[in-house]
Amino acid sequence: MTFATTNSPVLSGLLEKISANLANEPKLVEIYRNALANTLNTTIQSKPDGTTFVITGDIPAMWLRDSAAQVRPFLVAAGEDQALADMIGGLVQRQLECILLDPYANAFNDSPSGKGHQADETNMSPWLWERKYEIDSLCYPLQLSYLLWKNTGRTSHFNETFRSAARQILDTWKTEQHHETKSAYSFQRSDCPPSDTLPRQGRGNEVAFTGMTWSGFRPSDDACRYGYLVPANMFAVVVLNYLGEIAREVLADSDLESEASELAKQISAGIEAYGIVEHPVHGKMYAYETDGNGNHNLMDDANVPSLLSIPYLGYAEQSDPIYRNTRSFILSRENPYFYEGRAAQGIGSPHTPDGYVWHIALAMQGLTATDPEEKLRLLRLMADTDAGTGMMHEGFSADDPSEFSRPWFSWANMMFCELLMDYCGIRVRTA
């Protein structure tokens, strides 16, 4: 059963407020309306057990990352709209159950149907669509759990399933601090681009201990070049601190609080010791990936967590000097995935063709900008590159926006919504 609450008085009031603020920008308002309705009516499924299953768009599976990002803008209304709060609570429960099925999987089926990439050489099960291990797949459910609490006051989702999933996440991240010696995870796919599989018999390129936790894949679902994905580790630090607060304020679990806090400190120390480089043009900045053996990958990817998203994630302030240097690098030709064309300039991804800018990255550029006029410029750019569809896409040609990947992509749609709301001063509570 699909979930529909487009007649919600709270959402209607939100739309009226945005329409009044943007009376001279009717296309922006129309895309906002389209995006909300598309996500609510085509991707969100209420299940008989009370959980919520959210497909990513044109793929009939649920990514832990995408599903959390898809519902995030609805948190603003969920404090006054019980149906929305129930929907998000149902998603949290479903995500936690997925983690208990397999903390190494990134995408799940709505039943043990055996759909997806069952031929991959890894520990697959019929519940899994894909088993690419990505740190952020475990970060997003913790983040959404925390934000649901902060925006609605609800704590009922901090149940035994939450406790068990939190322990599973901690155990997984601690294991992957020692990937070479303690981890049993491996992943191989046949007849695919190198970015869809891991080298070294599925173990990934060799890493040394840093205190950070290892990731096989990026939030693009592309393989990491070096196993310590810095922005994903930053996200882990943020949500571990959330978990510590939940353990202290709601669960009264001092052991869980202490364990989460200690792991956050270890990972943060690893980031600061191994994830910072001195760039000849931009100065001291964060690398995208490192291996603890002196190798660094200097780039940024459109998918979140990214280096561009550091303040959005809550790891550092926009004014932080290392972030400012990193941002300068990211939005320059020094970043191999920063593209400039006749229609747009912005960050793309090796996941899509050369020269393709992503709407998610444009939205994140706006969400981390300090100037309201820059936010509005990026909103207009996103609207001008929708190829007349009234929707956001994955990537599009910087020269010709009519060339794009994914006709509809809910995560990108909802990032547009979040930036539009942010421009109007309407923001998700994060503390």
Protein backbone atom coordinates (compact mmCIF):
# COMPACT_ATOMS: atom_id res chain seq x y z
CA MET A 1 0.00 0.00 0.00
CA THR A 2 1.43 3.38 -0.95
CA PHE A 3 1.46 6.15 1.60
CA ALA A 4 -0.41 9.34 0.68
CA THR A 5 -0.78 12.46 2.79
CA THR A 6 -0.70 15.16 0.12
CA ASN A 7 -3.93 16.49 1.68
CA SER A 8 -2.12 17.07 4.98
CA PRO A 9 -3.08 20.50 6.37
CA VAL A 10 0.44 20.84 7.76
CA LEU A 11 2.07 20.22 4.37
CA SER A 12 -0.50 22.49 2.73
CA GLY A 13 0.38 25.24 5.19
CA LEU A 14 4.06 24.72 4.49
CA LEU A 15 3.44 25.01 0.76
CA GLU A 16 1.43 28.21 1.29
CA LYS A 17 4.26 29.73 3.30
CA ILE A 18 6.82 28.82 0.64
CA SER A 19 4.56 30.09 -2.15
CA ALA A 20 4.22 33.43 -0.36
CA ASN A 21 7.98 33.71 0.11
CA LEU A 22 8.64 32.83 -3.54
CA ALA A 23 5.77 34.61 -5.28
CA ASN A 24 8.14 35.62 -8.08
CA GLU A 25 9.58 32.12 -8.52
CA PRO A 26 6.62 29.96 -9.64
CA LYS A 27 8.78 27.25 -11.21
CA LEU A 28 10.66 26.67 -7.97
CA VAL A 29 7.38 26.29 -6.11
CA GLU A 30 6.01 23.94 -8.77
CA ILE A 31 9.05 21.66 -8.59
CA TYR A 32 8.75 21.63 -4.80
CA ARG A 33 5.09 20.60 -5.07
CA ASN A 34 5.90 17.93 -7.68
CA ALA A 35 8.79 16.52 -5.66
CA LEU A 36 6.80 16.18 -2.43
CA ALA A 37 3.89 14.48 -4.18
CA ASN A 38 6.17 12.19 -6.19
CA THR A 39 8.02 10.96 -3.11
CA LEU A 40 4.88 10.51 -1.01
CA ASN A 41 2.79 8.80 -3.66
CA THR A 42 5.28 6.68 -5.57
CA THR A 43 8.14 5.68 -3.24
CA ILE A 44 6.69 5.27 0.27
CA GLN A 45 4.90 2.02 1.09
CA SER A 46 3.12 1.33 4.40
CA LYS A 47 3.45 -2.33 5.37
CA PRO A 48 0.95 -4.44 7.38
CA ASP A 49 3.47 -4.79 10.22
CA GLY A 50 3.53 -1.01 10.71
CA THR A 51 6.90 -0.49 9.08
CA THR A 52 7.57 1.73 6.08
CA PHE A 53 9.43 0.60 2.95
CA VAL A 54 10.82 3.35 0.71
CA ILE A 55 12.06 2.60 -2.80
CA THR A 56 14.76 4.83 -4.23
CA GLY A 57 12.82 5.78 -7.37
CA ASP A 58 13.23 3.81 -10.56
CA ILE A 59 14.74 0.81 -8.71
CA PRO A 60 12.29 -1.29 -6.63
CA ALA A 61 14.59 -1.67 -3.61
CA MET A 62 15.26 0.31 -0.42
CA TRP A 63 18.67 1.82 0.19
CA LEU A 64 19.26 2.70 3.85
CA ARG A 65 20.95 5.94 2.78
CA ASP A 66 18.45 7.08 0.16
CA SER A 67 15.35 6.23 2.19
CA ALA A 68 16.50 8.35 5.14
CA ALA A 69 17.35 11.28 2.87
CA GLN A 70 14.04 10.94 1.02
CA VAL A 71 11.95 11.50 4.15
CA ARG A 72 14.20 14.04 5.88
CA PRO A 73 12.32 17.19 4.67
CA PHE A 74 9.07 15.75 6.07
CA LEU A 75 10.54 15.95 9.57
CA VAL A 76 9.70 19.67 9.57
CA ALA A 77 5.99 18.85 9.40
CA ALA A 78 6.09 15.62 11.39
CA GLY A 79 5.93 17.42 14.75
CA GLU A 80 2.37 18.49 13.91
CA ASP A 81 1.31 15.70 11.54
CA GLN A 82 0.95 12.32 13.24
CA ALA A 83 0.63 10.44 9.96
CA LEU A 84 3.98 11.78 8.78
CA ALA A 85 5.58 11.03 12.13
CA ASP A 86 4.19 7.48 12.01
CA MET A 87 5.50 7.04 8.49
CA ILE A 88 9.01 8.12 9.49
CA GLY A 89 8.87 6.03 12.65
CA GLY A 90 7.88 3.05 10.54
CA LEU A 91 10.86 3.65 8.28
CA VAL A 92 13.22 3.84 11.26
CA GLN A 93 11.90 0.50 12.51
CA ARG A 94 12.31 -1.07 9.08
CA GLN A 95 15.86 0.26 8.70
CA LEU A 96 16.86 -1.08 12.12
CA GLU A 97 15.43 -4.49 11.23
CA CYS A 98 17.42 -4.41 7.99
CA ILE A 99 20.63 -3.72 9.90
CA LEU A 100 19.94 -6.73 12.10
CA LEU A 101 19.46 -8.83 8.96
CA ASP A 102 22.91 -7.81 7.70
CA PRO A 103 24.93 -4.73 8.74
CA TYR A 104 27.07 -5.05 5.59
CA ALA A 105 24.20 -4.65 3.12
CA ASN A 106 23.31 -1.34 1.51
CA ALA A 107 19.99 -2.16 -0.22
CA PHE A 108 17.11 -4.46 0.70
CA ASN A 109 14.07 -6.14 -0.81
CA ASP A 110 10.63 -5.69 0.76
CA SER A 111 10.41 -9.46 1.26
CA PRO A 112 12.80 -12.43 0.92
CA SER A 113 12.14 -12.37 -2.83
CA GLY A 114 15.69 -13.02 -4.00
CA LYS A 115 15.62 -9.98 -6.28
CA GLY A 116 18.72 -7.94 -6.98
CA HIS A 117 22.36 -8.98 -7.27
CA GLN A 118 22.11 -12.54 -6.02
CA ALA A 119 25.07 -13.71 -8.15
CA ASP A 120 27.59 -11.52 -6.28
CA GLU A 121 30.33 -13.38 -4.45
CA THR A 122 29.54 -12.34 -0.88
CA ASN A 123 27.23 -13.57 1.85
CA MET A 124 23.96 -12.79 0.03
CA SER A 125 20.46 -13.64 1.20
CA PRO A 126 17.02 -13.35 -0.45
CA TRP A 127 16.33 -10.24 1.67
CA LEU A 128 19.24 -8.35 0.13
CA TRP A 129 19.15 -6.42 -3.13
CA GLU A 130 22.85 -5.62 -2.82
CA ARG A 131 25.60 -6.19 -0.24
CA LYS A 132 28.07 -3.40 -0.87
CA TYR A 133 29.39 -2.34 2.52
CA GLU A 134 29.20 1.42 3.00
CA ILE A 135 29.68 3.18 6.33
CA ASP A 136 26.91 5.65 5.58
CA SER A 137 24.34 2.84 5.33
CA LEU A 138 24.71 2.50 9.10
CA CYS A 139 24.97 6.25 9.75
CA TYR A 140 21.71 7.30 8.15
CA PRO A 141 19.34 5.19 10.32
CA LEU A 142 21.01 6.51 13.48
CA GLN A 143 20.74 10.05 12.15
CA LEU A 144 17.07 9.64 11.22
CA SER A 145 16.27 8.11 14.62
CA TYR A 146 17.88 11.11 16.33
CA LEU A 147 16.20 13.69 14.09
CA LEU A 148 12.78 12.08 14.57
CA TRP A 149 13.25 12.55 18.32
CA LYS A 150 14.41 16.15 18.01
CA ASN A 151 11.67 17.20 15.58
CA THR A 152 8.70 15.40 17.14
CA GLY A 153 9.65 14.58 20.73
CA ARG A 154 8.98 10.89 20.06
CA THR A 155 11.09 8.29 21.81
CA SER A 156 9.05 5.12 21.18
CA HIS A 157 11.40 4.10 18.37
CA PHE A 158 14.24 3.79 20.89
CA ASN A 159 13.15 0.25 21.65
CA GLU A 160 14.93 -3.10 21.93
CA THR A 161 15.34 -3.24 18.16
CA PHE A 162 17.13 0.09 18.33
CA ARG A 163 19.40 -1.12 21.13
CA SER A 164 20.28 -4.28 19.22
CA ALA A 165 20.91 -2.42 15.96
CA ALA A 166 23.05 0.18 17.74
CA ARG A 167 25.17 -2.60 19.23
CA GLN A 168 25.47 -4.21 15.81
CA ILE A 169 26.65 -0.92 14.31
CA LEU A 170 29.23 -0.42 17.04
CA ASP A 171 30.51 -3.98 16.65
CA THR A 172 30.73 -3.62 12.87
CA TRP A 173 32.61 -0.32 12.98
CA LYS A 174 35.01 -1.63 15.61
CA THR A 175 35.64 -4.75 13.54
CA GLU A 176 36.31 -2.64 10.45
CA GLN A 177 38.85 -0.53 12.33
CA HIS A 178 40.90 -3.70 11.93
CA HIS A 179 39.77 -4.73 8.45
CA GLU A 180 42.94 -6.63 7.59
CA THR A 181 42.93 -8.85 10.68
CA LYS A 182 39.37 -9.08 12.04
CA SER A 183 36.92 -8.63 9.16
CA ALA A 184 35.35 -11.52 7.24
CA TYR A 185 33.71 -9.21 4.69
CA SER A 186 34.56 -9.51 1.02
CA PHE A 187 32.73 -8.62 -2.18
CA GLN A 188 33.25 -9.59 -5.81
CA ARG A 189 31.07 -9.10 -8.89
CA SER A 190 31.77 -10.63 -12.29
CA ASP A 191 31.48 -9.02 -15.74
CA CYS A 192 31.27 -5.46 -14.43
CA PRO A 193 33.27 -2.23 -14.40
CA PRO A 194 36.11 -2.14 -11.83
CA SER A 195 34.09 0.32 -9.75
CA ASP A 196 31.46 -2.36 -9.06
CA THR A 197 33.77 -4.85 -7.37
CA LEU A 198 36.63 -4.95 -4.87
CA PRO A 199 40.20 -6.00 -5.77
CA ARG A 200 42.40 -8.43 -3.84
CA GLN A 201 39.86 -11.28 -3.84
CA GLY A 202 37.15 -8.92 -2.71
CA ARG A 203 39.03 -7.47 0.26
CA GLY A 204 39.81 -4.07 -1.24
CA ASN A 205 43.20 -2.42 -1.44
CA GLU A 206 45.35 -2.95 1.64
CA VAL A 207 45.03 -0.54 4.55
CA ALA A 208 46.91 0.09 7.81
CA PHE A 209 45.33 0.82 11.18
CA THR A 210 44.42 4.51 11.65
CA GLY A 211 41.58 4.53 14.18
CA MET A 212 39.12 5.19 11.35
CA THR A 213 36.70 2.49 10.22
CA TRP A 214 36.98 0.87 6.79
CA SER A 215 34.45 1.10 3.96
CA GLY A 216 34.29 -1.04 0.84
CA PHE A 217 32.18 1.37 -1.17
CA ARG A 218 31.28 5.04 -1.41
CA PRO A 219 27.72 6.42 -1.09
CA SER A 220 27.66 6.32 -4.90
CA ASP A 221 27.90 2.50 -4.57
CA ASP A 222 31.29 2.74 -6.34
CA ALA A 223 34.29 0.98 -4.83
CA CYS A 224 36.64 2.99 -2.63
CA ARG A 225 40.15 3.40 -4.00
CA TYR A 226 41.50 3.59 -0.45
CA GLY A 227 39.49 2.03 2.35
CA TYR A 228 39.23 4.95 4.76
CA LEU A 229 36.52 7.14 3.27
CA VAL A 230 37.00 10.39 5.17
CA PRO A 231 33.54 12.03 4.86
CA ALA A 232 31.84 8.75 5.79
CA ASN A 233 34.04 8.52 8.88
CA MET A 234 33.08 12.10 9.72
CA PHE A 235 29.42 11.13 9.49
CA ALA A 236 30.13 8.17 11.78
CA VAL A 237 31.61 10.53 14.39
CA VAL A 238 28.49 12.73 14.26
CA VAL A 239 26.01 9.87 14.65
CA LEU A 240 28.07 8.21 17.37
CA ASN A 241 27.74 11.43 19.33
CA TYR A 242 23.98 11.31 18.63
CA LEU A 243 23.94 7.74 19.92
CA GLY A 244 25.76 8.81 23.06
CA GLU A 245 23.13 11.48 23.70
CA ILE A 246 20.28 9.00 23.09
CA ALA A 247 21.91 6.50 25.45
CA ARG A 248 22.28 9.17 28.15
CA GLU A 249 19.01 11.09 27.80
CA VAL A 250 16.55 8.39 26.74
CA LEU A 251 17.91 4.90 27.33
CA ALA A 252 19.84 5.60 30.56
CA ASP A 253 22.48 3.18 29.28
CA SER A 254 25.87 4.38 30.49
CA ASP A 255 27.71 1.48 28.85
CA LEU A 256 26.28 2.28 25.43
CA GLU A 257 27.00 5.99 25.94
CA SER A 258 30.61 5.29 26.90
CA GLU A 259 31.17 2.88 24.04
CA ALA A 260 29.76 5.27 21.45
CA SER A 261 31.75 8.21 22.83
CA GLU A 262 35.03 6.29 22.86
CA LEU A 263 34.61 5.06 19.29
CA ALA A 264 33.75 8.60 18.12
CA LYS A 265 36.99 9.87 19.70
CA GLN A 266 39.06 7.14 18.04
CA ILE A 267 37.61 7.76 14.59
CA SER A 268 37.90 11.54 14.92
CA ALA A 269 41.53 11.24 15.97
CA GLY A 270 42.17 9.05 12.93
CA ILE A 271 40.59 11.61 10.60
CA GLU A 272 42.70 14.44 11.98
CA ALA A 273 45.91 12.38 11.95
CA TYR A 274 45.58 10.67 8.56
CA GLY A 275 42.85 12.46 6.59
CA ILE A 276 44.41 15.94 6.25
CA VAL A 277 46.89 16.92 3.51
CA GLU A 278 48.74 20.09 2.56
CA HIS A 279 47.63 21.13 -0.92
CA PRO A 280 50.02 23.39 -2.91
CA VAL A 281 47.18 25.73 -3.93
CA HIS A 282 44.45 25.36 -1.31
CA GLY A 283 46.50 24.70 1.81
CA LYS A 284 45.55 22.32 4.60
CA MET A 285 42.47 20.35 3.52
CA TYR A 286 40.72 16.99 3.92
CA ALA A 287 41.37 14.13 1.54
CA TYR A 288 38.43 12.13 0.24
CA GLU A 289 40.09 8.77 0.95
CA THR A 290 43.27 7.46 2.52
CA ASP A 291 44.76 4.08 3.40
CA GLY A 292 46.97 4.83 6.40
CA ASN A 293 50.00 4.00 4.30
CA GLY A 294 50.60 7.53 3.02
CA ASN A 295 48.27 7.42 0.00
CA HIS A 296 45.47 9.96 -0.44
CA ASN A 297 42.71 10.42 -3.00
CA LEU A 298 42.04 14.13 -3.56
CA MET A 299 38.54 14.52 -5.02
CA ASP A 300 34.93 14.84 -4.00
CA ASP A 301 31.85 12.99 -5.16
CA ALA A 302 28.29 14.29 -5.56
CA ASN A 303 26.83 11.68 -3.24
CA VAL A 304 26.39 12.41 0.47
CA PRO A 305 28.33 12.04 2.75
CA SER A 306 30.81 14.13 0.81
CA LEU A 307 33.51 16.58 1.79
CA LEU A 308 31.26 19.39 0.59
CA SER A 309 28.61 18.25 3.07
CA ILE A 310 30.82 18.46 6.20
CA PRO A 311 28.84 21.33 7.86
CA TYR A 312 25.52 19.80 6.75
CA LEU A 313 26.49 16.55 8.46
CA GLY A 314 27.51 18.47 11.58
CA TYR A 315 31.19 17.51 11.73
CA ALA A 316 32.56 21.07 11.41
CA GLU A 317 31.23 24.61 10.98
CA GLN A 318 31.11 26.37 7.62
CA SER A 319 33.68 28.82 9.00
CA ASP A 320 36.19 26.09 9.89
CA PRO A 321 39.43 26.98 8.04
CA ILE A 322 40.20 23.41 6.93
CA TYR A 323 36.65 23.06 5.60
CA ARG A 324 36.92 26.37 3.78
CA ASN A 325 40.14 25.23 2.11
CA THR A 326 38.55 21.88 1.27
CA ARG A 327 35.50 23.61 -0.20
CA SER A 328 37.73 25.85 -2.31
CA PHE A 329 39.40 22.74 -3.73
CA ILE A 330 36.12 20.90 -4.30
CA LEU A 331 34.58 23.76 -6.30
CA SER A 332 37.62 24.18 -8.52
CA ARG A 333 39.20 22.43 -11.47
CA GLU A 334 41.60 20.77 -9.03
CA ASN A 335 38.72 18.40 -8.15
CA PRO A 336 38.64 15.88 -11.03
CA TYR A 337 34.84 15.65 -10.74
CA PHE A 338 34.08 19.36 -10.89
CA TYR A 339 32.65 20.06 -14.33
CA GLU A 340 31.98 23.28 -16.22
CA GLY A 341 29.76 23.52 -19.29
CA ARG A 342 27.51 25.83 -21.27
CA ALA A 343 24.50 25.18 -19.01
CA ALA A 344 25.97 24.51 -15.57
CA GLN A 345 28.99 23.97 -13.42
CA GLY A 346 29.15 21.75 -10.39
CA ILE A 347 30.23 18.45 -8.92
CA GLY A 348 29.63 15.13 -10.62
CA SER A 349 30.72 11.58 -9.95
CA PRO A 350 32.69 8.74 -11.54
CA HIS A 351 29.36 6.90 -11.21
CA THR A 352 28.02 8.83 -14.22
CA PRO A 353 29.59 10.00 -17.51
CA ASP A 354 32.30 12.67 -17.63
CA GLY A 355 30.82 16.14 -17.69
CA TYR A 356 27.64 15.20 -15.83
CA VAL A 357 26.76 17.49 -12.90
CA TRP A 358 24.49 16.14 -10.15
CA HIS A 359 21.45 17.89 -8.75
CA ILE A 360 22.24 16.44 -5.31
CA ALA A 361 25.62 18.20 -5.38
CA LEU A 362 24.07 21.51 -6.47
CA ALA A 363 21.61 21.25 -3.59
CA MET A 364 24.41 20.49 -1.15
CA GLN A 365 26.42 23.42 -2.48
CA GLY A 366 23.44 25.60 -1.64
CA LEU A 367 22.78 24.04 1.76
CA THR A 368 26.39 24.70 2.80
CA ALA A 369 26.52 28.23 1.35
CA THR A 370 26.28 31.21 3.70
CA ASP A 371 24.92 33.73 1.18
CA PRO A 372 21.13 33.59 0.53
CA GLU A 373 21.68 34.87 -3.01
CA GLU A 374 23.97 31.90 -3.69
CA LYS A 375 21.26 29.56 -2.44
CA LEU A 376 18.73 31.17 -4.77
CA ARG A 377 21.14 31.04 -7.72
CA LEU A 378 21.60 27.32 -7.21
CA LEU A 379 17.85 26.72 -6.88
CA ARG A 380 17.31 28.52 -10.18
CA LEU A 381 20.12 26.52 -11.78
CA MET A 382 18.53 23.26 -10.63
CA ALA A 383 15.17 24.36 -12.01
CA ASP A 384 16.73 25.44 -15.32
CA THR A 385 18.37 22.02 -15.76
CA ASP A 386 15.30 19.81 -15.14
CA ALA A 387 14.96 19.21 -18.92
CA GLY A 388 11.35 20.34 -18.73
CA THR A 389 10.31 17.41 -16.52
CA GLY A 390 9.51 19.33 -13.34
CA MET A 391 11.73 16.85 -11.49
CA MET A 392 15.35 16.49 -10.51
CA HIS A 393 17.62 13.83 -12.00
CA GLU A 394 20.78 12.02 -11.00
CA GLY A 395 23.39 13.53 -13.35
CA PHE A 396 22.97 15.74 -16.41
CA SER A 397 25.30 17.04 -19.07
CA ALA A 398 26.77 20.39 -18.08
CA ASP A 399 26.49 21.35 -21.76
CA ASP A 400 23.03 19.94 -22.48
CA PRO A 401 20.65 19.21 -19.57
CA SER A 402 18.36 17.22 -21.88
CA GLU A 403 20.97 14.48 -21.57
CA PHE A 404 20.53 13.01 -18.08
CA SER A 405 20.57 9.81 -16.05
CA ARG A 406 17.54 8.52 -14.13
CA PRO A 407 14.27 10.13 -15.24
CA TRP A 408 13.15 10.35 -11.64
CA PHE A 409 15.29 10.10 -8.57
CA SER A 410 13.57 10.74 -5.25
CA TRP A 411 16.71 11.60 -3.27
CA ALA A 412 17.54 14.42 -5.70
CA ASN A 413 13.95 15.65 -5.61
CA MET A 414 13.97 15.86 -1.84
CA MET A 415 17.35 17.60 -1.75
CA PHE A 416 15.80 20.29 -3.93
CA CYS A 417 12.94 20.53 -1.43
CA GLU A 418 15.32 20.82 1.50
CA LEU A 419 17.32 23.60 -0.15
CA LEU A 420 14.14 25.49 -1.06
CA MET A 421 12.91 25.21 2.52
CA ASP A 422 16.32 26.27 3.82
CA TYR A 423 16.24 29.37 1.61
CA CYS A 424 12.84 30.22 3.11
CA GLY A 425 14.19 29.80 6.64
CA ILE A 426 12.45 26.45 7.24
CA ARG A 427 14.92 23.87 8.54
CA VAL A 428 15.02 20.44 10.12
CA ARG A 429 15.97 20.66 13.80
CA THR A 430 19.32 19.00 14.35
CA ALA A 431 19.77 19.55 18.08
